[in-house]
N, C-alpha and C. Protein backbone atom coordinates (compact mmCIF):
# COMPACT_ATOMS: atom_id res chain seq x y z
N UNK A 1 16.78 -5.66 -5.38
CA UNK A 1 16.19 -6.62 -6.31
C UNK A 1 14.68 -6.66 -6.07
N UNK A 2 13.90 -6.64 -7.13
CA UNK A 2 12.44 -6.63 -6.99
C UNK A 2 11.92 -8.04 -6.73
N UNK A 3 10.74 -8.09 -6.12
CA UNK A 3 10.08 -9.37 -5.83
C UNK A 3 9.48 -9.89 -7.13
N UNK A 4 9.69 -11.19 -7.40
CA UNK A 4 9.15 -11.82 -8.60
C UNK A 4 7.87 -12.57 -8.22
N UNK A 5 6.78 -12.24 -8.94
CA UNK A 5 5.46 -12.79 -8.63
C UNK A 5 4.87 -13.42 -9.89
N UNK A 6 4.38 -14.65 -9.72
CA UNK A 6 3.65 -15.32 -10.80
C UNK A 6 2.18 -15.38 -10.39
N UNK A 7 1.32 -14.73 -11.18
CA UNK A 7 -0.12 -14.72 -10.93
C UNK A 7 -0.76 -15.78 -11.83
N UNK A 8 -1.48 -16.71 -11.21
CA UNK A 8 -2.14 -17.77 -11.95
C UNK A 8 -3.64 -17.60 -11.76
N UNK A 9 -4.31 -17.06 -12.80
CA UNK A 9 -5.74 -16.78 -12.73
C UNK A 9 -6.30 -16.82 -14.14
N UNK A 10 -7.41 -17.55 -14.34
CA UNK A 10 -8.01 -17.67 -15.67
C UNK A 10 -8.81 -16.43 -16.06
N UNK A 11 -9.09 -15.54 -15.13
CA UNK A 11 -9.75 -14.28 -15.46
C UNK A 11 -8.65 -13.33 -15.94
N UNK A 12 -8.43 -13.32 -17.25
CA UNK A 12 -7.26 -12.64 -17.81
C UNK A 12 -7.26 -11.13 -17.57
N UNK A 13 -8.42 -10.48 -17.60
CA UNK A 13 -8.47 -9.04 -17.34
C UNK A 13 -8.08 -8.76 -15.89
N UNK A 14 -8.59 -9.57 -14.98
CA UNK A 14 -8.25 -9.43 -13.57
C UNK A 14 -6.75 -9.66 -13.36
N UNK A 15 -6.21 -10.72 -13.96
CA UNK A 15 -4.78 -11.01 -13.84
C UNK A 15 -3.94 -9.86 -14.40
N UNK A 16 -4.38 -9.27 -15.51
CA UNK A 16 -3.66 -8.13 -16.10
C UNK A 16 -3.70 -6.93 -15.16
N UNK A 17 -4.84 -6.70 -14.50
CA UNK A 17 -4.94 -5.61 -13.53
C UNK A 17 -4.00 -5.85 -12.35
N UNK A 18 -3.96 -7.08 -11.84
CA UNK A 18 -3.04 -7.42 -10.75
C UNK A 18 -1.61 -7.17 -11.18
N UNK A 19 -1.27 -7.60 -12.39
CA UNK A 19 0.09 -7.44 -12.92
C UNK A 19 0.48 -5.97 -12.99
N UNK A 20 -0.38 -5.16 -13.57
CA UNK A 20 -0.10 -3.73 -13.70
C UNK A 20 0.10 -3.09 -12.34
N UNK A 21 -0.78 -3.41 -11.40
CA UNK A 21 -0.69 -2.83 -10.05
C UNK A 21 0.60 -3.23 -9.36
N UNK A 22 0.93 -4.52 -9.40
CA UNK A 22 2.14 -4.99 -8.71
C UNK A 22 3.41 -4.46 -9.38
N UNK A 23 3.39 -4.30 -10.69
CA UNK A 23 4.55 -3.71 -11.38
C UNK A 23 4.76 -2.26 -10.94
N UNK A 24 3.68 -1.54 -10.71
CA UNK A 24 3.79 -0.16 -10.21
C UNK A 24 4.38 -0.12 -8.80
N UNK A 25 4.24 -1.23 -8.06
CA UNK A 25 4.83 -1.33 -6.73
C UNK A 25 6.28 -1.81 -6.78
N UNK A 26 6.79 -2.05 -7.99
CA UNK A 26 8.18 -2.44 -8.14
C UNK A 26 8.43 -3.94 -8.28
N UNK A 27 7.37 -4.72 -8.44
CA UNK A 27 7.53 -6.17 -8.58
C UNK A 27 7.73 -6.53 -10.05
N UNK A 28 8.42 -7.64 -10.27
CA UNK A 28 8.52 -8.23 -11.61
C UNK A 28 7.43 -9.29 -11.66
N UNK A 29 6.50 -9.19 -12.63
CA UNK A 29 5.30 -10.03 -12.62
C UNK A 29 5.09 -10.72 -13.96
N UNK A 30 4.72 -12.00 -13.88
CA UNK A 30 4.24 -12.73 -15.05
C UNK A 30 2.90 -13.33 -14.68
N UNK A 31 2.09 -13.64 -15.71
CA UNK A 31 0.78 -14.25 -15.48
C UNK A 31 0.67 -15.56 -16.25
N UNK A 32 -0.23 -16.40 -15.78
CA UNK A 32 -0.59 -17.64 -16.45
C UNK A 32 -2.08 -17.84 -16.29
N UNK A 33 -2.76 -18.23 -17.36
CA UNK A 33 -4.22 -18.38 -17.33
C UNK A 33 -4.66 -19.79 -16.92
N UNK A 34 -3.71 -20.70 -16.78
CA UNK A 34 -4.05 -22.07 -16.35
C UNK A 34 -2.84 -22.71 -15.69
N UNK A 35 -3.08 -23.88 -15.11
CA UNK A 35 -2.02 -24.56 -14.37
C UNK A 35 -0.87 -25.01 -15.25
N UNK A 36 -1.18 -25.54 -16.45
CA UNK A 36 -0.12 -26.02 -17.34
C UNK A 36 0.83 -24.91 -17.74
N UNK A 37 0.29 -23.74 -18.04
CA UNK A 37 1.13 -22.59 -18.39
C UNK A 37 1.97 -22.15 -17.20
N UNK A 38 1.40 -22.19 -16.02
CA UNK A 38 2.14 -21.82 -14.81
C UNK A 38 3.34 -22.75 -14.60
N UNK A 39 3.12 -24.05 -14.79
CA UNK A 39 4.21 -25.03 -14.63
C UNK A 39 5.32 -24.74 -15.63
N UNK A 40 4.97 -24.39 -16.87
CA UNK A 40 5.98 -24.06 -17.89
C UNK A 40 6.76 -22.80 -17.51
N UNK A 41 6.06 -21.79 -16.99
CA UNK A 41 6.70 -20.51 -16.71
C UNK A 41 7.61 -20.53 -15.48
N UNK A 42 7.28 -21.36 -14.51
CA UNK A 42 8.01 -21.31 -13.24
C UNK A 42 9.48 -21.70 -13.39
N UNK A 43 9.78 -22.61 -14.30
CA UNK A 43 11.16 -23.07 -14.47
C UNK A 43 12.09 -21.94 -14.90
N UNK A 44 11.63 -21.10 -15.82
CA UNK A 44 12.48 -20.01 -16.30
C UNK A 44 12.34 -18.73 -15.47
N UNK A 45 11.16 -18.48 -14.94
CA UNK A 45 10.91 -17.23 -14.20
C UNK A 45 11.37 -17.30 -12.75
N UNK A 46 11.24 -18.44 -12.11
CA UNK A 46 11.63 -18.66 -10.71
C UNK A 46 11.07 -17.58 -9.77
N UNK A 47 9.74 -17.57 -9.60
CA UNK A 47 9.11 -16.52 -8.77
C UNK A 47 9.42 -16.68 -7.29
N UNK A 48 9.36 -15.56 -6.58
CA UNK A 48 9.46 -15.56 -5.11
C UNK A 48 8.12 -15.91 -4.50
N UNK A 49 7.04 -15.59 -5.23
CA UNK A 49 5.69 -15.77 -4.72
C UNK A 49 4.75 -16.17 -5.84
N UNK A 50 3.88 -17.15 -5.55
CA UNK A 50 2.79 -17.52 -6.45
C UNK A 50 1.51 -16.92 -5.90
N UNK A 51 0.71 -16.30 -6.74
CA UNK A 51 -0.63 -15.85 -6.38
C UNK A 51 -1.57 -16.71 -7.21
N UNK A 52 -2.19 -17.69 -6.54
CA UNK A 52 -2.95 -18.74 -7.22
C UNK A 52 -4.45 -18.60 -7.02
N UNK A 53 -5.19 -18.64 -8.12
CA UNK A 53 -6.63 -18.75 -8.02
C UNK A 53 -6.95 -20.19 -7.67
N UNK A 54 -7.96 -20.41 -6.83
CA UNK A 54 -8.31 -21.76 -6.43
C UNK A 54 -8.90 -22.56 -7.60
N UNK A 55 -9.80 -21.94 -8.35
CA UNK A 55 -10.47 -22.64 -9.45
C UNK A 55 -9.88 -22.19 -10.78
N UNK A 56 -9.22 -23.13 -11.45
CA UNK A 56 -8.63 -22.89 -12.76
C UNK A 56 -9.26 -23.87 -13.75
N UNK A 57 -9.15 -23.60 -15.05
CA UNK A 57 -9.81 -24.48 -16.02
C UNK A 57 -9.26 -25.91 -16.03
N UNK A 58 -7.97 -26.09 -15.76
CA UNK A 58 -7.38 -27.42 -15.89
C UNK A 58 -7.02 -28.08 -14.56
N UNK A 59 -6.95 -27.33 -13.48
CA UNK A 59 -6.61 -27.90 -12.18
C UNK A 59 -6.93 -26.89 -11.09
N UNK A 60 -6.82 -27.30 -9.83
CA UNK A 60 -7.02 -26.35 -8.74
C UNK A 60 -5.70 -25.64 -8.44
N UNK A 61 -5.78 -24.56 -7.72
CA UNK A 61 -4.57 -23.86 -7.29
C UNK A 61 -3.65 -24.77 -6.49
N UNK A 62 -4.23 -25.66 -5.69
CA UNK A 62 -3.42 -26.60 -4.91
C UNK A 62 -2.67 -27.57 -5.81
N UNK A 63 -3.33 -28.05 -6.86
CA UNK A 63 -2.66 -28.96 -7.80
C UNK A 63 -1.51 -28.25 -8.51
N UNK A 64 -1.70 -26.98 -8.84
CA UNK A 64 -0.62 -26.19 -9.45
C UNK A 64 0.54 -26.08 -8.46
N UNK A 65 0.23 -25.72 -7.22
CA UNK A 65 1.27 -25.57 -6.19
C UNK A 65 2.03 -26.88 -6.01
N UNK A 66 1.31 -28.00 -5.94
CA UNK A 66 1.95 -29.31 -5.76
C UNK A 66 2.84 -29.66 -6.96
N UNK A 67 2.41 -29.32 -8.17
CA UNK A 67 3.19 -29.61 -9.37
C UNK A 67 4.45 -28.74 -9.44
N UNK A 68 4.38 -27.52 -8.91
CA UNK A 68 5.51 -26.59 -8.98
C UNK A 68 6.56 -26.84 -7.90
N UNK A 69 6.15 -27.42 -6.78
CA UNK A 69 7.08 -27.63 -5.65
C UNK A 69 8.39 -28.32 -6.04
N UNK A 70 8.34 -29.43 -6.80
CA UNK A 70 9.61 -30.08 -7.16
C UNK A 70 10.48 -29.24 -8.10
N UNK A 71 9.87 -28.33 -8.85
CA UNK A 71 10.60 -27.51 -9.81
C UNK A 71 11.24 -26.28 -9.17
N UNK A 72 10.51 -25.69 -8.21
CA UNK A 72 10.99 -24.44 -7.61
C UNK A 72 10.25 -24.21 -6.30
N UNK A 73 10.99 -23.94 -5.26
CA UNK A 73 10.39 -23.70 -3.95
C UNK A 73 10.10 -22.20 -3.77
N UNK A 74 8.84 -21.89 -3.46
CA UNK A 74 8.48 -20.49 -3.18
C UNK A 74 7.20 -20.48 -2.37
N UNK A 75 6.88 -19.31 -1.84
CA UNK A 75 5.66 -19.16 -1.06
C UNK A 75 4.47 -18.96 -2.00
N UNK A 76 3.26 -19.14 -1.44
CA UNK A 76 2.05 -18.99 -2.25
C UNK A 76 0.96 -18.30 -1.46
N UNK A 77 0.13 -17.57 -2.19
CA UNK A 77 -1.08 -16.95 -1.68
C UNK A 77 -2.21 -17.51 -2.52
N UNK A 78 -3.30 -17.89 -1.87
CA UNK A 78 -4.44 -18.44 -2.58
C UNK A 78 -5.54 -17.38 -2.68
N UNK A 79 -6.17 -17.29 -3.84
CA UNK A 79 -7.32 -16.41 -4.03
C UNK A 79 -8.54 -17.28 -4.29
N UNK A 80 -9.66 -16.94 -3.66
CA UNK A 80 -10.89 -17.69 -3.93
C UNK A 80 -12.11 -16.84 -3.62
N UNK A 81 -13.15 -17.08 -4.37
CA UNK A 81 -14.45 -16.47 -4.07
C UNK A 81 -15.33 -17.48 -3.35
N UNK A 82 -14.81 -18.68 -3.13
CA UNK A 82 -15.59 -19.76 -2.53
C UNK A 82 -14.83 -20.42 -1.38
N UNK A 83 -14.60 -19.70 -0.28
CA UNK A 83 -13.85 -20.29 0.83
C UNK A 83 -14.68 -21.37 1.53
N UNK A 84 -14.00 -22.36 2.03
CA UNK A 84 -14.65 -23.43 2.78
C UNK A 84 -13.65 -24.00 3.76
N UNK A 85 -14.13 -24.81 4.68
CA UNK A 85 -13.25 -25.49 5.63
C UNK A 85 -12.26 -26.37 4.87
N UNK A 86 -12.73 -27.07 3.85
CA UNK A 86 -11.85 -27.94 3.07
C UNK A 86 -10.72 -27.14 2.43
N UNK A 87 -11.05 -25.99 1.82
CA UNK A 87 -10.03 -25.16 1.18
C UNK A 87 -9.02 -24.68 2.23
N UNK A 88 -9.51 -24.25 3.37
CA UNK A 88 -8.61 -23.79 4.43
C UNK A 88 -7.70 -24.92 4.92
N UNK A 89 -8.26 -26.10 5.12
CA UNK A 89 -7.45 -27.23 5.58
C UNK A 89 -6.40 -27.63 4.55
N UNK A 90 -6.77 -27.61 3.29
CA UNK A 90 -5.80 -27.95 2.23
C UNK A 90 -4.70 -26.89 2.14
N UNK A 91 -5.04 -25.63 2.38
CA UNK A 91 -4.03 -24.57 2.41
C UNK A 91 -3.07 -24.79 3.57
N UNK A 92 -3.61 -25.08 4.74
CA UNK A 92 -2.78 -25.31 5.92
C UNK A 92 -1.83 -26.48 5.70
N UNK A 93 -2.31 -27.57 5.08
CA UNK A 93 -1.46 -28.73 4.78
C UNK A 93 -0.25 -28.35 3.94
N UNK A 94 -0.38 -27.32 3.11
CA UNK A 94 0.69 -26.90 2.21
C UNK A 94 1.45 -25.67 2.74
N UNK A 95 1.15 -25.27 3.96
CA UNK A 95 1.77 -24.08 4.58
C UNK A 95 1.46 -22.80 3.81
N UNK A 96 0.29 -22.77 3.16
CA UNK A 96 -0.19 -21.54 2.53
C UNK A 96 -0.97 -20.80 3.61
N UNK A 97 -0.43 -19.69 4.09
CA UNK A 97 -0.99 -19.00 5.24
C UNK A 97 -1.96 -17.88 4.89
N UNK A 98 -1.97 -17.47 3.63
CA UNK A 98 -2.80 -16.32 3.25
C UNK A 98 -3.80 -16.75 2.18
N UNK A 99 -5.09 -16.48 2.46
CA UNK A 99 -6.15 -16.70 1.49
C UNK A 99 -6.85 -15.36 1.30
N UNK A 100 -6.82 -14.86 0.08
CA UNK A 100 -7.51 -13.62 -0.25
C UNK A 100 -8.89 -13.96 -0.76
N UNK A 101 -9.90 -13.33 -0.19
CA UNK A 101 -11.29 -13.59 -0.57
C UNK A 101 -11.71 -12.62 -1.66
N UNK A 102 -11.99 -13.15 -2.83
CA UNK A 102 -12.45 -12.32 -3.96
C UNK A 102 -13.87 -11.85 -3.70
N UNK A 103 -14.20 -10.65 -4.00
CA UNK A 103 -13.34 -9.58 -4.50
C UNK A 103 -12.58 -8.92 -3.34
N UNK A 104 -11.41 -8.41 -3.63
CA UNK A 104 -10.62 -7.70 -2.63
C UNK A 104 -9.98 -6.50 -3.30
N UNK A 105 -9.65 -5.47 -2.51
CA UNK A 105 -9.02 -4.28 -3.10
C UNK A 105 -7.59 -4.59 -3.55
N UNK A 106 -7.15 -3.94 -4.60
CA UNK A 106 -5.78 -4.12 -5.08
C UNK A 106 -4.77 -3.82 -3.99
N UNK A 107 -5.07 -2.86 -3.14
CA UNK A 107 -4.15 -2.51 -2.07
C UNK A 107 -3.95 -3.67 -1.10
N UNK A 108 -4.98 -4.51 -0.93
CA UNK A 108 -4.85 -5.69 -0.07
C UNK A 108 -3.85 -6.67 -0.70
N UNK A 109 -3.95 -6.89 -2.00
CA UNK A 109 -3.00 -7.75 -2.70
C UNK A 109 -1.60 -7.18 -2.58
N UNK A 110 -1.46 -5.89 -2.81
CA UNK A 110 -0.14 -5.25 -2.71
C UNK A 110 0.48 -5.41 -1.34
N UNK A 111 -0.32 -5.23 -0.31
CA UNK A 111 0.17 -5.37 1.06
C UNK A 111 0.64 -6.80 1.32
N UNK A 112 -0.14 -7.77 0.88
CA UNK A 112 0.21 -9.18 1.09
C UNK A 112 1.48 -9.54 0.31
N UNK A 113 1.58 -9.09 -0.93
CA UNK A 113 2.74 -9.42 -1.76
C UNK A 113 4.01 -8.79 -1.19
N UNK A 114 3.91 -7.54 -0.77
CA UNK A 114 5.11 -6.85 -0.28
C UNK A 114 5.46 -7.17 1.16
N UNK A 115 4.44 -7.42 2.00
CA UNK A 115 4.70 -7.54 3.43
C UNK A 115 4.25 -8.84 4.06
N UNK A 116 3.42 -9.64 3.40
CA UNK A 116 2.93 -10.88 3.99
C UNK A 116 1.99 -10.59 5.14
N UNK A 117 1.86 -11.54 6.04
CA UNK A 117 1.01 -11.37 7.22
C UNK A 117 1.70 -10.50 8.25
N UNK A 118 0.93 -9.71 8.98
CA UNK A 118 1.55 -8.96 10.07
C UNK A 118 2.08 -9.93 11.12
N UNK A 119 3.30 -9.69 11.59
CA UNK A 119 3.93 -10.64 12.52
C UNK A 119 3.20 -10.72 13.84
N UNK A 120 2.45 -9.71 14.23
CA UNK A 120 1.75 -9.72 15.51
C UNK A 120 0.40 -10.41 15.47
N UNK A 121 -0.07 -10.84 14.29
CA UNK A 121 -1.39 -11.46 14.21
C UNK A 121 -1.35 -12.86 14.79
N UNK A 122 -2.30 -13.21 15.65
CA UNK A 122 -2.34 -14.57 16.18
C UNK A 122 -2.52 -15.58 15.06
N UNK A 123 -1.86 -16.74 15.17
CA UNK A 123 -1.89 -17.76 14.13
C UNK A 123 -3.30 -18.21 13.79
N UNK A 124 -4.19 -18.32 14.79
CA UNK A 124 -5.54 -18.80 14.50
C UNK A 124 -6.35 -17.79 13.70
N UNK A 125 -5.91 -16.53 13.61
CA UNK A 125 -6.63 -15.53 12.82
C UNK A 125 -6.08 -15.41 11.41
N UNK A 126 -5.12 -16.25 11.03
CA UNK A 126 -4.48 -16.10 9.74
C UNK A 126 -5.15 -16.88 8.63
N UNK A 127 -6.27 -17.51 8.89
CA UNK A 127 -6.99 -18.18 7.83
C UNK A 127 -8.49 -17.97 8.02
N UNK A 128 -9.24 -18.23 6.99
CA UNK A 128 -10.68 -18.05 7.03
C UNK A 128 -11.29 -19.39 7.38
N UNK A 129 -11.84 -19.56 8.59
CA UNK A 129 -12.21 -20.90 9.03
C UNK A 129 -13.61 -21.39 8.65
N UNK A 130 -14.45 -20.60 8.02
CA UNK A 130 -15.81 -21.05 7.78
C UNK A 130 -16.29 -20.70 6.38
N UNK A 131 -17.23 -21.49 5.90
CA UNK A 131 -17.93 -21.19 4.65
C UNK A 131 -18.91 -20.07 4.95
N UNK A 132 -18.88 -19.00 4.15
CA UNK A 132 -19.73 -17.86 4.45
C UNK A 132 -20.78 -17.60 3.38
N UNK A 133 -20.81 -18.39 2.33
CA UNK A 133 -21.75 -18.10 1.25
C UNK A 133 -23.03 -18.91 1.34
N UNK A 134 -23.10 -19.89 2.20
CA UNK A 134 -24.28 -20.75 2.25
C UNK A 134 -25.19 -20.44 3.42
N UNK A 135 -25.38 -19.18 3.72
CA UNK A 135 -26.34 -18.78 4.74
C UNK A 135 -25.80 -18.83 6.15
N UNK A 136 -26.67 -18.53 7.09
CA UNK A 136 -26.28 -18.54 8.49
C UNK A 136 -25.73 -17.20 8.92
N UNK A 137 -25.70 -16.98 10.18
CA UNK A 137 -25.17 -15.74 10.73
C UNK A 137 -23.71 -15.98 11.12
N UNK A 138 -22.85 -16.12 10.13
CA UNK A 138 -21.47 -16.47 10.37
C UNK A 138 -20.58 -15.26 10.12
N UNK A 139 -19.70 -14.98 11.05
CA UNK A 139 -18.69 -13.96 10.86
C UNK A 139 -17.35 -14.66 10.70
N UNK A 140 -16.40 -13.98 10.11
CA UNK A 140 -15.09 -14.59 9.91
C UNK A 140 -14.03 -13.51 10.04
N UNK A 141 -12.80 -13.91 10.45
CA UNK A 141 -11.74 -12.91 10.52
C UNK A 141 -11.32 -12.51 9.12
N UNK A 142 -11.16 -11.24 8.89
CA UNK A 142 -10.80 -10.72 7.59
C UNK A 142 -9.62 -9.78 7.76
N UNK A 143 -8.54 -10.03 7.04
CA UNK A 143 -7.38 -9.15 7.12
C UNK A 143 -7.58 -8.03 6.10
N UNK A 144 -7.71 -6.83 6.57
CA UNK A 144 -7.84 -5.69 5.68
C UNK A 144 -6.46 -5.26 5.20
N UNK A 145 -6.40 -4.54 4.10
CA UNK A 145 -5.11 -4.18 3.53
C UNK A 145 -4.28 -3.30 4.44
N UNK A 146 -4.90 -2.60 5.40
CA UNK A 146 -4.13 -1.75 6.30
C UNK A 146 -3.56 -2.52 7.48
N UNK A 147 -3.78 -3.84 7.50
CA UNK A 147 -3.23 -4.68 8.55
C UNK A 147 -4.17 -4.88 9.73
N UNK A 148 -5.34 -4.24 9.73
CA UNK A 148 -6.29 -4.38 10.83
C UNK A 148 -7.08 -5.68 10.65
N UNK A 149 -7.44 -6.31 11.75
CA UNK A 149 -8.27 -7.51 11.72
C UNK A 149 -9.62 -7.15 12.27
N UNK A 150 -10.67 -7.56 11.57
CA UNK A 150 -12.03 -7.29 12.03
C UNK A 150 -12.89 -8.52 11.81
N UNK A 151 -14.02 -8.56 12.52
CA UNK A 151 -15.02 -9.57 12.21
C UNK A 151 -15.97 -8.93 11.23
N UNK A 152 -16.23 -9.61 10.14
CA UNK A 152 -17.02 -9.00 9.09
C UNK A 152 -17.83 -10.06 8.36
N UNK A 153 -18.88 -9.61 7.72
CA UNK A 153 -19.65 -10.47 6.83
C UNK A 153 -19.95 -9.63 5.60
N UNK A 154 -19.26 -9.90 4.49
CA UNK A 154 -19.37 -9.08 3.29
C UNK A 154 -20.65 -9.32 2.51
N UNK A 155 -21.48 -10.28 2.91
CA UNK A 155 -22.70 -10.56 2.16
C UNK A 155 -23.76 -9.50 2.37
N UNK A 156 -23.79 -8.89 3.52
CA UNK A 156 -24.87 -7.96 3.86
C UNK A 156 -24.37 -6.52 3.84
N UNK A 157 -25.14 -5.62 3.22
CA UNK A 157 -24.74 -4.21 3.27
C UNK A 157 -24.89 -3.68 4.69
N UNK A 158 -24.10 -2.67 4.99
CA UNK A 158 -24.22 -2.07 6.32
C UNK A 158 -25.54 -1.34 6.43
N UNK A 159 -26.09 -1.28 7.61
CA UNK A 159 -27.36 -0.61 7.84
C UNK A 159 -27.20 0.89 7.59
N UNK A 160 -28.15 1.46 6.91
CA UNK A 160 -28.10 2.88 6.60
C UNK A 160 -28.97 3.65 7.60
N UNK A 161 -28.49 4.83 7.98
CA UNK A 161 -29.27 5.67 8.88
C UNK A 161 -30.11 6.68 8.11
N UNK A 162 -29.95 6.69 6.77
CA UNK A 162 -30.72 7.63 5.97
C UNK A 162 -32.14 7.10 5.77
N UNK A 163 -33.13 8.02 5.70
CA UNK A 163 -34.50 7.57 5.45
C UNK A 163 -34.62 7.01 4.04
N UNK A 164 -35.55 6.08 3.80
CA UNK A 164 -35.71 5.51 2.47
C UNK A 164 -36.14 6.57 1.47
N UNK A 165 -35.71 6.39 0.21
CA UNK A 165 -36.08 7.33 -0.84
C UNK A 165 -37.56 7.18 -1.16
N UNK A 166 -38.23 8.30 -1.39
CA UNK A 166 -39.63 8.27 -1.80
C UNK A 166 -39.67 8.09 -3.31
N UNK A 167 -40.58 7.25 -3.76
CA UNK A 167 -40.71 6.99 -5.18
C UNK A 167 -41.46 8.15 -5.86
N UNK A 168 -40.91 8.60 -6.98
CA UNK A 168 -41.54 9.69 -7.72
C UNK A 168 -42.74 9.16 -8.50
N UNK A 169 -43.79 9.94 -8.59
CA UNK A 169 -44.96 9.55 -9.35
C UNK A 169 -44.71 9.78 -10.84
N UNK A 170 -45.22 8.89 -11.66
CA UNK A 170 -45.05 9.04 -13.11
C UNK A 170 -45.85 10.26 -13.59
N UNK A 171 -45.25 10.98 -14.54
CA UNK A 171 -45.92 12.11 -15.14
C UNK A 171 -45.85 13.40 -14.33
N UNK A 172 -45.17 13.40 -13.21
CA UNK A 172 -45.08 14.60 -12.39
C UNK A 172 -43.79 15.30 -12.66
């Protein structure tokens, strides 16, 4: 039996890409562009997993999860481009153990949907504990799609060892 996944994301092109990718992995997938649609779909679809965007037009991903709990019990993964301590704490309160930081590779989503967290990962490394977009020299644990854990900061490009390009003169 295939895994049933409900993707709740208002970025419809992105949600369609997630759907296509997960279907190729053998999952049965439906999408919803807002919380109200997700609540309507969950009763008939009964997903095994919710993949929730944090910011939706009508409610937060947490509000969607809270509204769906009485209707159908399932696990959830949160997606956000704006991680913060508050978001992490609210996820922990709801036993949402996986937060995907947008943008992320499709293979990372596939790994999480099919396999969840690696069982050997320490519990304290299973969430993103700090805000990383408001400056500072902050590193955070990042789960890569291959299951490796690294300290990373995606804001800064890696240092290049190549010499800088020389600018061409006009008219030459």
